[in-house]
Amino acid sequence: TDDDGNNNSAASYSYAYNPNFIKLTSTIPTNGIEVTNLNQNLFAYFSQGIAKGTGNITIFEDVGTVVETIDVTSAQITINGSELQVNPTNNLSPGKSFYVLIDDGAIALQSNGSIVFPGLGNASNWFFNTQADTTPPEIISFSPPEGTVNVLPNTPIVVTYSEPIQAG
């Protein structure tokens, strides 16, 4: 009933738990956020207990480039109740946008493997950004060491940095 006393039965809703349906309830990283930890695992949480089905979980850069395709039966995918954990082989690149797709059937209902999650087939379902690397590299060591005397003219000079660098 509204403020004017009108009864509107169409505005009445009823929701029932459906044991034959798997719903994605949340992800880490959360949609649209910026990730600062580039070596973190990815997590998806579902409405009920899940099991590995058949298919892949694929991580893409926003430009459509496949970063990694992981078979759900691999050890890189772990399940604990309703939690799915994805452990990418490599750290995610800084300053990029990513999205994750899950194949239809890659996740199954734990109590009934014939009921499967319909998948995530759209880049807008699970996307996030990684923070750009703004920390300059530091010199860790020199070879020959600083202060060395009588170094031959053709001796290579090696400088080791705290992170990979590139020319430019």
C-alpha atoms as a PDB file:
ATOM      1  CA  THR A   1       0.000   0.000   0.000  1.00  0.00           C
ATOM      2  CA  ASP A   2       1.353   3.441  -0.939  1.00  0.00           C
ATOM      3  CA  ASP A   3       1.067   6.744   1.000  1.00  0.00           C
ATOM      4  CA  ASP A   4      -2.337   7.434  -0.594  1.00  0.00           C
ATOM      5  CA  GLY A   5      -3.800   4.099   0.511  1.00  0.00           C
ATOM      6  CA  ASN A   6      -3.622   2.495  -2.934  1.00  0.00           C
ATOM      7  CA  ASN A   7      -2.992  -1.223  -2.916  1.00  0.00           C
ATOM      8  CA  ASN A   8      -0.675  -2.286  -5.708  1.00  0.00           C
ATOM      9  CA  SER A   9      -0.166  -6.024  -5.749  1.00  0.00           C
ATOM     10  CA  ALA A  10       2.196  -5.658  -8.720  1.00  0.00           C
ATOM     11  CA  ALA A  11       4.708  -3.980  -6.382  1.00  0.00           C
ATOM     12  CA  SER A  12       4.852  -7.045  -4.171  1.00  0.00           C
ATOM     13  CA  TYR A  13       7.827  -9.326  -4.768  1.00  0.00           C
ATOM     14  CA  SER A  14       8.761 -12.676  -3.464  1.00  0.00           C
ATOM     15  CA  TYR A  15      12.150 -14.325  -3.833  1.00  0.00           C
ATOM     16  CA  ALA A  16      12.850 -17.975  -3.315  1.00  0.00           C
ATOM     17  CA  TYR A  17      16.190 -19.683  -2.926  1.00  0.00           C
ATOM     18  CA  ASN A  18      16.879 -21.772  -6.000  1.00  0.00           C
ATOM     19  CA  PRO A  19      19.214 -24.670  -5.187  1.00  0.00           C
ATOM     20  CA  ASN A  20      19.649 -25.301  -8.921  1.00  0.00           C
ATOM     21  CA  PHE A  21      21.260 -21.964  -9.731  1.00  0.00           C
ATOM     22  CA  ILE A  22      24.803 -20.661  -9.202  1.00  0.00           C
ATOM     23  CA  LYS A  23      25.192 -16.901  -8.957  1.00  0.00           C
ATOM     24  CA  LEU A  24      28.415 -14.881  -8.832  1.00  0.00           C
ATOM     25  CA  THR A  25      28.077 -12.698  -5.730  1.00  0.00           C
ATOM     26  CA  SER A  26      31.390 -10.786  -5.666  1.00  0.00           C
ATOM     27  CA  THR A  27      34.952 -10.649  -6.969  1.00  0.00           C
ATOM     28  CA  ILE A  28      38.350  -9.534  -5.750  1.00  0.00           C
ATOM     29  CA  PRO A  29      39.508  -7.306  -7.269  1.00  0.00           C
ATOM     30  CA  THR A  30      36.105  -5.651  -7.299  1.00  0.00           C
ATOM     31  CA  ASN A  31      34.782  -4.342 -10.615  1.00  0.00           C
ATOM     32  CA  GLY A  32      36.339  -1.065 -11.683  1.00  0.00           C
ATOM     33  CA  ILE A  33      38.860  -0.635  -8.887  1.00  0.00           C
ATOM     34  CA  GLU A  34      42.585   0.026  -9.156  1.00  0.00           C
ATOM     35  CA  VAL A  35      44.785  -2.773  -7.860  1.00  0.00           C
ATOM     36  CA  THR A  36      48.065  -1.883  -6.177  1.00  0.00           C
ATOM     37  CA  ASN A  37      49.275  -5.435  -5.457  1.00  0.00           C
ATOM     38  CA  LEU A  38      50.266  -6.837  -8.856  1.00  0.00           C
ATOM     39  CA  ASN A  39      51.025 -10.346  -7.581  1.00  0.00           C
ATOM     40  CA  GLN A  40      47.723 -10.959  -5.826  1.00  0.00           C
ATOM     41  CA  ASN A  41      45.474 -13.854  -6.694  1.00  0.00           C
ATOM     42  CA  LEU A  42      42.007 -13.272  -8.116  1.00  0.00           C
ATOM     43  CA  PHE A  43      38.919 -14.408  -6.206  1.00  0.00           C
ATOM     44  CA  ALA A  44      35.306 -15.029  -7.208  1.00  0.00           C
ATOM     45  CA  TYR A  45      32.590 -15.790  -4.681  1.00  0.00           C
ATOM     46  CA  PHE A  46      29.422 -17.676  -5.545  1.00  0.00           C
ATOM     47  CA  SER A  47      25.985 -18.093  -3.985  1.00  0.00           C
ATOM     48  CA  GLN A  48      26.652 -21.714  -3.027  1.00  0.00           C
ATOM     49  CA  GLY A  49      29.346 -24.353  -2.857  1.00  0.00           C
ATOM     50  CA  ILE A  50      31.074 -24.927  -6.180  1.00  0.00           C
ATOM     51  CA  ALA A  51      33.312 -27.495  -7.859  1.00  0.00           C
ATOM     52  CA  LYS A  52      35.552 -27.504 -10.905  1.00  0.00           C
ATOM     53  CA  GLY A  53      33.692 -28.138 -14.118  1.00  0.00           C
ATOM     54  CA  THR A  54      35.137 -28.139 -17.634  1.00  0.00           C
ATOM     55  CA  GLY A  55      36.536 -25.073 -19.333  1.00  0.00           C
ATOM     56  CA  ASN A  56      38.850 -22.131 -18.873  1.00  0.00           C
ATOM     57  CA  ILE A  57      39.253 -18.907 -16.998  1.00  0.00           C
ATOM     58  CA  THR A  58      40.904 -16.324 -19.234  1.00  0.00           C
ATOM     59  CA  ILE A  59      42.544 -13.073 -18.176  1.00  0.00           C
ATOM     60  CA  PHE A  60      42.660 -10.366 -20.858  1.00  0.00           C
ATOM     61  CA  GLU A  61      44.251  -6.965 -21.158  1.00  0.00           C
ATOM     62  CA  ASP A  62      41.540  -4.435 -21.940  1.00  0.00           C
ATOM     63  CA  VAL A  63      42.716  -4.227 -25.555  1.00  0.00           C
ATOM     64  CA  GLY A  64      41.615  -7.857 -26.044  1.00  0.00           C
ATOM     65  CA  THR A  65      45.040  -9.433 -25.702  1.00  0.00           C
ATOM     66  CA  VAL A  66      45.005 -12.741 -23.818  1.00  0.00           C
ATOM     67  CA  VAL A  67      47.272 -12.529 -20.778  1.00  0.00           C
ATOM     68  CA  GLU A  68      46.648 -16.102 -19.668  1.00  0.00           C
ATOM     69  CA  THR A  69      44.179 -18.930 -20.222  1.00  0.00           C
ATOM     70  CA  ILE A  70      43.916 -21.300 -17.265  1.00  0.00           C
ATOM     71  CA  ASP A  71      42.163 -24.670 -17.423  1.00  0.00           C
ATOM     72  CA  VAL A  72      39.928 -24.892 -14.341  1.00  0.00           C
ATOM     73  CA  THR A  73      41.225 -28.398 -13.611  1.00  0.00           C
ATOM     74  CA  SER A  74      44.775 -27.049 -13.142  1.00  0.00           C
ATOM     75  CA  ALA A  75      46.413 -26.453  -9.766  1.00  0.00           C
ATOM     76  CA  GLN A  76      46.255 -22.694 -10.468  1.00  0.00           C
ATOM     77  CA  ILE A  77      42.532 -22.873  -9.683  1.00  0.00           C
ATOM     78  CA  THR A  78      41.503 -23.733  -6.142  1.00  0.00           C
ATOM     79  CA  ILE A  79      38.037 -23.950  -4.672  1.00  0.00           C
ATOM     80  CA  ASN A  80      37.032 -23.721  -1.039  1.00  0.00           C
ATOM     81  CA  GLY A  81      33.276 -23.941  -0.590  1.00  0.00           C
ATOM     82  CA  SER A  82      31.835 -21.017  -2.552  1.00  0.00           C
ATOM     83  CA  GLU A  83      35.240 -19.349  -3.104  1.00  0.00           C
ATOM     84  CA  LEU A  84      37.147 -19.671  -6.373  1.00  0.00           C
ATOM     85  CA  GLN A  85      40.807 -18.628  -6.316  1.00  0.00           C
ATOM     86  CA  VAL A  86      42.768 -17.975  -9.516  1.00  0.00           C
ATOM     87  CA  ASN A  87      46.564 -17.909  -9.259  1.00  0.00           C
ATOM     88  CA  PRO A  88      47.968 -16.366 -12.464  1.00  0.00           C
ATOM     89  CA  THR A  89      51.382 -17.638 -13.577  1.00  0.00           C
ATOM     90  CA  ASN A  90      52.884 -14.141 -13.718  1.00  0.00           C
ATOM     91  CA  ASN A  91      52.228 -10.854 -11.973  1.00  0.00           C
ATOM     92  CA  LEU A  92      49.885  -8.499 -13.765  1.00  0.00           C
ATOM     93  CA  SER A  93      51.523  -5.606 -15.610  1.00  0.00           C
ATOM     94  CA  PRO A  94      51.339  -2.166 -13.976  1.00  0.00           C
ATOM     95  CA  GLY A  95      49.268   0.626 -15.474  1.00  0.00           C
ATOM     96  CA  LYS A  96      46.944  -1.655 -17.464  1.00  0.00           C
ATOM     97  CA  SER A  97      43.265  -2.574 -17.542  1.00  0.00           C
ATOM     98  CA  PHE A  98      42.202  -6.214 -17.292  1.00  0.00           C
ATOM     99  CA  TYR A  99      39.063  -8.301 -17.476  1.00  0.00           C
ATOM    100  CA  VAL A 100      38.343 -11.939 -16.642  1.00  0.00           C
ATOM    101  CA  LEU A 101      36.084 -14.336 -18.544  1.00  0.00           C
ATOM    102  CA  ILE A 102      34.864 -17.688 -17.232  1.00  0.00           C
ATOM    103  CA  ASP A 103      33.659 -20.341 -19.685  1.00  0.00           C
ATOM    104  CA  ASP A 104      30.115 -21.635 -19.427  1.00  0.00           C
ATOM    105  CA  GLY A 105      30.413 -24.906 -17.479  1.00  0.00           C
ATOM    106  CA  ALA A 106      33.852 -24.191 -15.984  1.00  0.00           C
ATOM    107  CA  ILE A 107      32.228 -23.996 -12.549  1.00  0.00           C
ATOM    108  CA  ALA A 108      29.697 -26.561 -11.356  1.00  0.00           C
ATOM    109  CA  LEU A 109      27.432 -26.822  -8.366  1.00  0.00           C
ATOM    110  CA  GLN A 110      29.244 -28.745  -5.629  1.00  0.00           C
ATOM    111  CA  SER A 111      26.162 -30.764  -4.689  1.00  0.00           C
ATOM    112  CA  ASN A 112      25.162 -31.505  -8.281  1.00  0.00           C
ATOM    113  CA  GLY A 113      27.890 -31.343 -10.941  1.00  0.00           C
ATOM    114  CA  SER A 114      25.362 -31.347 -13.765  1.00  0.00           C
ATOM    115  CA  ILE A 115      24.259 -27.836 -12.755  1.00  0.00           C
ATOM    116  CA  VAL A 116      26.829 -25.360 -14.027  1.00  0.00           C
ATOM    117  CA  PHE A 117      27.559 -21.660 -13.772  1.00  0.00           C
ATOM    118  CA  PRO A 118      26.616 -20.003 -17.086  1.00  0.00           C
ATOM    119  CA  GLY A 119      29.968 -18.239 -17.186  1.00  0.00           C
ATOM    120  CA  LEU A 120      31.150 -14.669 -17.558  1.00  0.00           C
ATOM    121  CA  GLY A 121      31.292 -13.871 -21.244  1.00  0.00           C
ATOM    122  CA  ASN A 122      31.362 -10.083 -21.122  1.00  0.00           C
ATOM    123  CA  ALA A 123      34.342  -7.862 -20.323  1.00  0.00           C
ATOM    124  CA  SER A 124      32.157  -5.624 -18.166  1.00  0.00           C
ATOM    125  CA  ASN A 125      31.330  -8.411 -15.671  1.00  0.00           C
ATOM    126  CA  TRP A 126      34.762  -8.521 -13.992  1.00  0.00           C
ATOM    127  CA  PHE A 127      37.232  -5.777 -14.866  1.00  0.00           C
ATOM    128  CA  PHE A 128      39.876  -3.831 -12.959  1.00  0.00           C
ATOM    129  CA  ASN A 129      42.974  -1.685 -13.425  1.00  0.00           C
ATOM    130  CA  THR A 130      46.480  -2.030 -12.078  1.00  0.00           C
ATOM    131  CA  GLN A 131      48.314   0.925 -10.611  1.00  0.00           C
ATOM    132  CA  ALA A 132      51.117   2.383 -12.722  1.00  0.00           C
ATOM    133  CA  ASP A 133      54.667   1.887 -11.446  1.00  0.00           C
ATOM    134  CA  THR A 134      55.797   5.338 -10.294  1.00  0.00           C
ATOM    135  CA  THR A 135      58.801   4.214  -8.245  1.00  0.00           C
ATOM    136  CA  PRO A 136      62.068   4.802 -10.111  1.00  0.00           C
ATOM    137  CA  PRO A 137      64.541   1.915 -10.226  1.00  0.00           C
ATOM    138  CA  GLU A 138      67.446   2.035  -7.781  1.00  0.00           C
ATOM    139  CA  ILE A 139      71.018   0.946  -8.445  1.00  0.00           C
ATOM    140  CA  ILE A 140      71.799  -2.104  -6.334  1.00  0.00           C
ATOM    141  CA  SER A 141      75.379  -2.806  -7.430  1.00  0.00           C
ATOM    142  CA  PHE A 142      78.179  -1.939  -9.852  1.00  0.00           C
ATOM    143  CA  SER A 143      80.779  -4.195 -11.399  1.00  0.00           C
ATOM    144  CA  PRO A 144      83.592  -3.470 -11.155  1.00  0.00           C
ATOM    145  CA  PRO A 145      82.805  -2.129  -7.683  1.00  0.00           C
ATOM    146  CA  GLU A 146      82.990   1.609  -7.046  1.00  0.00           C
ATOM    147  CA  GLY A 147      86.523   2.739  -6.237  1.00  0.00           C
ATOM    148  CA  THR A 148      88.235  -0.131  -8.082  1.00  0.00           C
ATOM    149  CA  VAL A 149      91.582   0.930  -9.576  1.00  0.00           C
ATOM    150  CA  ASN A 150      93.620  -0.471 -12.485  1.00  0.00           C
ATOM    151  CA  VAL A 151      90.527  -1.594 -14.404  1.00  0.00           C
ATOM    152  CA  LEU A 152      91.387  -2.730 -17.917  1.00  0.00           C
ATOM    153  CA  PRO A 153      89.864  -0.544 -20.665  1.00  0.00           C
ATOM    154  CA  ASN A 154      87.849  -3.441 -22.196  1.00  0.00           C
ATOM    155  CA  THR A 155      86.320  -4.560 -18.868  1.00  0.00           C
ATOM    156  CA  PRO A 156      82.514  -4.571 -19.113  1.00  0.00           C
ATOM    157  CA  ILE A 157      80.690  -2.296 -16.710  1.00  0.00           C
ATOM    158  CA  VAL A 158      77.617  -3.942 -15.204  1.00  0.00           C
ATOM    159  CA  VAL A 159      74.975  -2.028 -13.278  1.00  0.00           C
ATOM    160  CA  THR A 160      72.271  -4.008 -11.450  1.00  0.00           C
ATOM    161  CA  TYR A 161      68.934  -2.260 -10.783  1.00  0.00           C
ATOM    162  CA  SER A 162      66.145  -3.011  -8.333  1.00  0.00           C
ATOM    163  CA  GLU A 163      63.740  -3.787 -11.195  1.00  0.00           C
ATOM    164  CA  PRO A 164      63.893  -4.476 -14.937  1.00  0.00           C
ATOM    165  CA  ILE A 165      64.645  -1.397 -17.026  1.00  0.00           C
ATOM    166  CA  GLN A 166      64.443  -0.590 -20.715  1.00  0.00           C
ATOM    167  CA  ALA A 167      66.189   1.888 -22.986  1.00  0.00           C
ATOM    168  CA  GLY A 168      64.440   5.174 -23.546  1.00  0.00           C
END
